[in-house]
Protein backbone atom coordinates (compact mmCIF):
# COMPACT_ATOMS: atom_id res chain seq x y z
CA MET A 1 -22.22 -3.44 -1.86
CA LYS A 2 -20.32 -6.30 -3.48
CA VAL A 3 -17.00 -5.37 -5.10
CA TYR A 4 -14.75 -7.81 -6.96
CA ILE A 5 -11.16 -6.67 -7.70
CA VAL A 6 -9.07 -8.41 -10.37
CA GLY A 7 -5.46 -7.81 -11.34
CA SER A 8 -2.00 -9.31 -11.57
CA VAL A 9 0.51 -9.62 -8.78
CA GLY A 10 1.66 -6.09 -7.92
CA SER A 11 -1.41 -4.39 -9.40
CA GLY A 12 -2.63 -3.15 -6.02
CA LYS A 13 -5.54 -5.58 -5.51
CA THR A 14 -4.99 -6.22 -1.84
CA THR A 15 -4.23 -2.60 -0.97
CA LEU A 16 -7.36 -1.40 -2.78
CA ALA A 17 -9.51 -4.20 -1.32
CA ARG A 18 -8.45 -3.30 2.21
CA LYS A 19 -9.25 0.39 1.63
CA VAL A 20 -12.65 -0.34 0.09
CA ALA A 21 -13.61 -2.90 2.75
CA ARG A 22 -12.62 -0.46 5.49
CA LYS A 23 -14.59 2.41 3.90
CA LEU A 24 -17.68 0.25 3.30
CA GLN A 25 -17.23 -1.63 6.58
CA VAL A 26 -17.62 -4.99 4.85
CA PRO A 27 -15.58 -8.23 4.91
CA HIS A 28 -12.55 -8.57 2.63
CA PHE A 29 -11.60 -11.91 1.06
CA GLU A 30 -8.51 -12.92 -0.92
CA THR A 31 -9.10 -15.74 -3.41
CA ASP A 32 -5.61 -17.02 -2.49
CA ASN A 33 -7.04 -17.80 0.95
CA PHE A 34 -9.77 -19.91 -0.64
CA VAL A 35 -7.07 -21.88 -2.48
CA TRP A 36 -4.61 -22.19 0.42
CA SER A 37 -5.03 -23.23 4.03
CA ARG A 38 -2.51 -21.03 5.86
CA HIS A 39 -1.54 -23.33 8.74
CA SER A 40 2.13 -23.64 7.84
CA PRO A 41 4.64 -21.49 5.95
CA GLY A 42 3.44 -21.40 2.36
CA GLY A 43 0.23 -23.22 3.26
CA ILE A 44 -1.44 -26.38 2.06
CA ARG A 45 -3.63 -26.36 -1.05
CA ASN A 46 -7.31 -26.86 -0.21
CA GLU A 47 -9.35 -29.51 -1.97
CA ILE A 48 -11.38 -28.07 -4.86
CA GLU A 49 -14.64 -28.67 -2.98
CA VAL A 50 -13.32 -26.75 0.04
CA ARG A 51 -12.06 -23.90 -2.13
CA ASN A 52 -15.39 -23.64 -3.94
CA GLN A 53 -17.36 -23.76 -0.68
CA LEU A 54 -15.24 -20.95 0.80
CA LEU A 55 -15.99 -18.83 -2.28
CA HIS A 56 -19.68 -19.73 -2.09
CA ASN A 57 -19.83 -18.74 1.59
CA ALA A 58 -18.26 -15.35 0.86
CA VAL A 59 -20.44 -14.65 -2.19
CA ALA A 60 -23.58 -15.52 -0.20
CA LEU A 61 -22.98 -12.60 2.17
CA ASP A 62 -24.93 -9.37 1.65
CA ASP A 63 -21.82 -7.22 1.20
CA TRP A 64 -18.16 -7.98 0.55
CA VAL A 65 -14.93 -7.17 -1.23
CA ILE A 66 -13.26 -10.12 -2.96
CA GLU A 67 -9.92 -9.76 -4.69
CA GLY A 68 -7.73 -12.11 -6.64
CA VAL A 69 -6.22 -13.25 -9.87
CA HIS A 70 -7.96 -16.61 -10.14
CA ILE A 71 -10.23 -17.30 -13.08
CA ASP A 72 -13.11 -19.62 -14.04
CA TRP A 73 -13.89 -21.14 -10.61
CA THR A 74 -14.39 -17.56 -9.33
CA ASP A 75 -17.13 -16.77 -11.87
CA PRO A 76 -19.89 -16.89 -9.22
CA GLY A 77 -18.18 -13.94 -7.49
CA LEU A 78 -17.90 -11.99 -10.73
CA ARG A 79 -21.57 -12.58 -11.51
CA ALA A 80 -22.68 -11.61 -7.99
CA ALA A 81 -20.56 -8.45 -7.82
CA ASP A 82 -22.21 -5.04 -8.09
CA GLN A 83 -18.94 -3.64 -9.39
CA ILE A 84 -15.84 -5.31 -10.85
CA ILE A 85 -12.56 -3.43 -10.70
CA PHE A 86 -9.99 -4.53 -13.27
CA LEU A 87 -6.58 -3.19 -12.24
CA ASP A 88 -4.70 -3.18 -15.55
CA ILE A 89 -1.63 -1.38 -14.19
CA THR A 90 1.44 -1.42 -16.48
CA VAL A 91 3.88 -4.32 -16.25
CA LYS A 92 6.69 -1.89 -15.40
CA ARG A 93 4.76 -0.42 -12.47
CA ARG A 94 3.75 -3.88 -11.22
CA SER A 95 7.37 -5.03 -11.43
CA TRP A 96 8.53 -2.11 -9.28
CA ARG A 97 5.82 -2.93 -6.75
CA ILE A 98 6.97 -6.57 -6.61
CA VAL A 99 10.51 -5.41 -5.79
CA ALA A 100 9.29 -2.93 -3.17
CA ARG A 101 6.99 -5.52 -1.57
CA TYR A 102 9.80 -8.07 -1.36
CA ILE A 103 12.09 -5.57 0.36
CA ARG A 104 9.34 -4.53 2.81
CA GLN A 105 8.65 -8.19 3.61
CA LEU A 106 12.35 -8.95 4.17
CA LEU A 107 12.55 -5.95 6.49
CA LYS A 108 9.42 -7.25 8.27
CA VAL A 109 7.61 -3.97 7.55
CA GLU A 110 4.95 -5.82 5.54
CA LYS A 111 3.31 -9.10 6.50
CA ALA A 112 3.16 -11.93 3.96
CA ASN A 113 0.96 -15.02 3.67
CA TYR A 114 4.10 -16.88 2.58
CA LYS A 115 7.80 -16.90 3.38
CA PRO A 116 9.42 -14.24 1.15
CA THR A 117 12.13 -16.25 -0.57
CA LEU A 118 14.09 -15.52 -3.73
CA THR A 119 12.19 -18.38 -5.38
CA ILE A 120 8.83 -16.73 -4.67
CA PHE A 121 10.26 -13.33 -5.67
CA PHE A 122 11.28 -14.59 -9.11
CA ARG A 123 8.01 -16.52 -9.50
CA MET A 124 6.12 -13.25 -9.08
CA PHE A 125 7.77 -11.90 -12.24
CA LYS A 126 6.85 -15.13 -14.04
CA TRP A 127 3.24 -14.86 -12.78
CA ASN A 128 3.17 -11.22 -13.85
CA ARG A 129 4.20 -12.16 -17.40
CA TYR A 130 1.74 -15.08 -17.44
CA PHE A 131 -1.08 -12.78 -16.36
CA GLU A 132 -0.28 -10.32 -19.15
CA GLU A 133 -0.03 -12.97 -21.87
CA GLN A 134 -2.63 -15.54 -20.81
CA MET A 135 -4.97 -14.43 -18.06
CA LYS A 136 -5.60 -10.82 -19.04
CA PRO A 137 -7.09 -11.78 -22.44
CA SER A 138 -9.28 -14.39 -20.71
CA PHE A 139 -10.54 -11.87 -18.16
CA GLN A 140 -11.20 -9.35 -20.92
CA MET A 141 -13.36 -11.89 -22.74
CA LYS A 142 -15.31 -12.60 -19.53
CA PHE A 143 -15.72 -8.90 -18.93
CA ASN A 144 -17.39 -8.45 -22.34
CA LYS A 145 -20.46 -10.18 -20.88
CA LEU A 146 -20.25 -8.18 -17.62
CA ASN A 147 -19.24 -4.87 -19.20
CA HIS A 148 -22.00 -2.85 -17.49
CA LYS A 149 -20.34 -3.30 -14.09
CA VAL A 150 -16.62 -3.43 -15.01
CA HIS A 151 -14.33 -0.51 -14.24
CA HIS A 152 -11.07 -0.85 -16.19
CA PHE A 153 -8.29 1.15 -14.50
CA VAL A 154 -4.83 1.63 -15.98
CA THR A 155 -3.47 4.29 -13.62
CA ASP A 156 -3.39 4.85 -9.88
CA LYS A 157 -5.13 8.19 -10.49
CA GLU A 158 -8.15 6.40 -11.99
CA VAL A 159 -8.29 4.13 -8.95
CA GLU A 160 -8.15 7.13 -6.59
CA GLU A 161 -10.97 8.86 -8.50
CA TRP A 162 -13.14 5.75 -8.19
CA LEU A 163 -12.38 5.60 -4.45
CA LYS A 164 -13.53 9.23 -4.11
CA GLN A 165 -16.81 8.25 -5.82
CA ILE A 166 -17.30 5.46 -3.28
CA GLU A 167 -16.69 7.93 -0.43
CA LYS A 168 -19.22 10.41 -1.89
CA ARG A 169 -21.87 7.67 -2.05
CA MET A 170 -21.34 6.88 1.60
CA ILE A 171 -21.86 10.51 2.63
CA VAL A 172 -25.16 10.84 0.76
């Protein structure tokens, strides 16, 4: 199965992707890791050709979970996905998750792909607002063409119900 998960920072993309990949026993990819080479704190931005090749390599696999917030260059993944999960969690809930994540990262309870600084912390709120105002409408337009495979979730309960459906399919 190929599952693509889209949502803003703090929407639960990575958490859900890890759960789904573990349940399905398939590889999990973060689009951030196609964009960034993680050799140093914060990473170095990959060349566009490298980024696109990394996406292509992942999409070419038989089964996967890809998650991220990137748009346009990730269209091959959206087209190849069997199911697209759109995590449209409220801004308030995402904001609380950003705060909680930052605290967990400072306490070294949660690992980060970047150094958790105040600058990054405040950028996450900016990215969250940008997603809501700019990216969300763009994704929604894309999803009109892919509507047959898009699951639009607004609450954690909806996400949990979908996860239960995945588990039932695996038992059968």
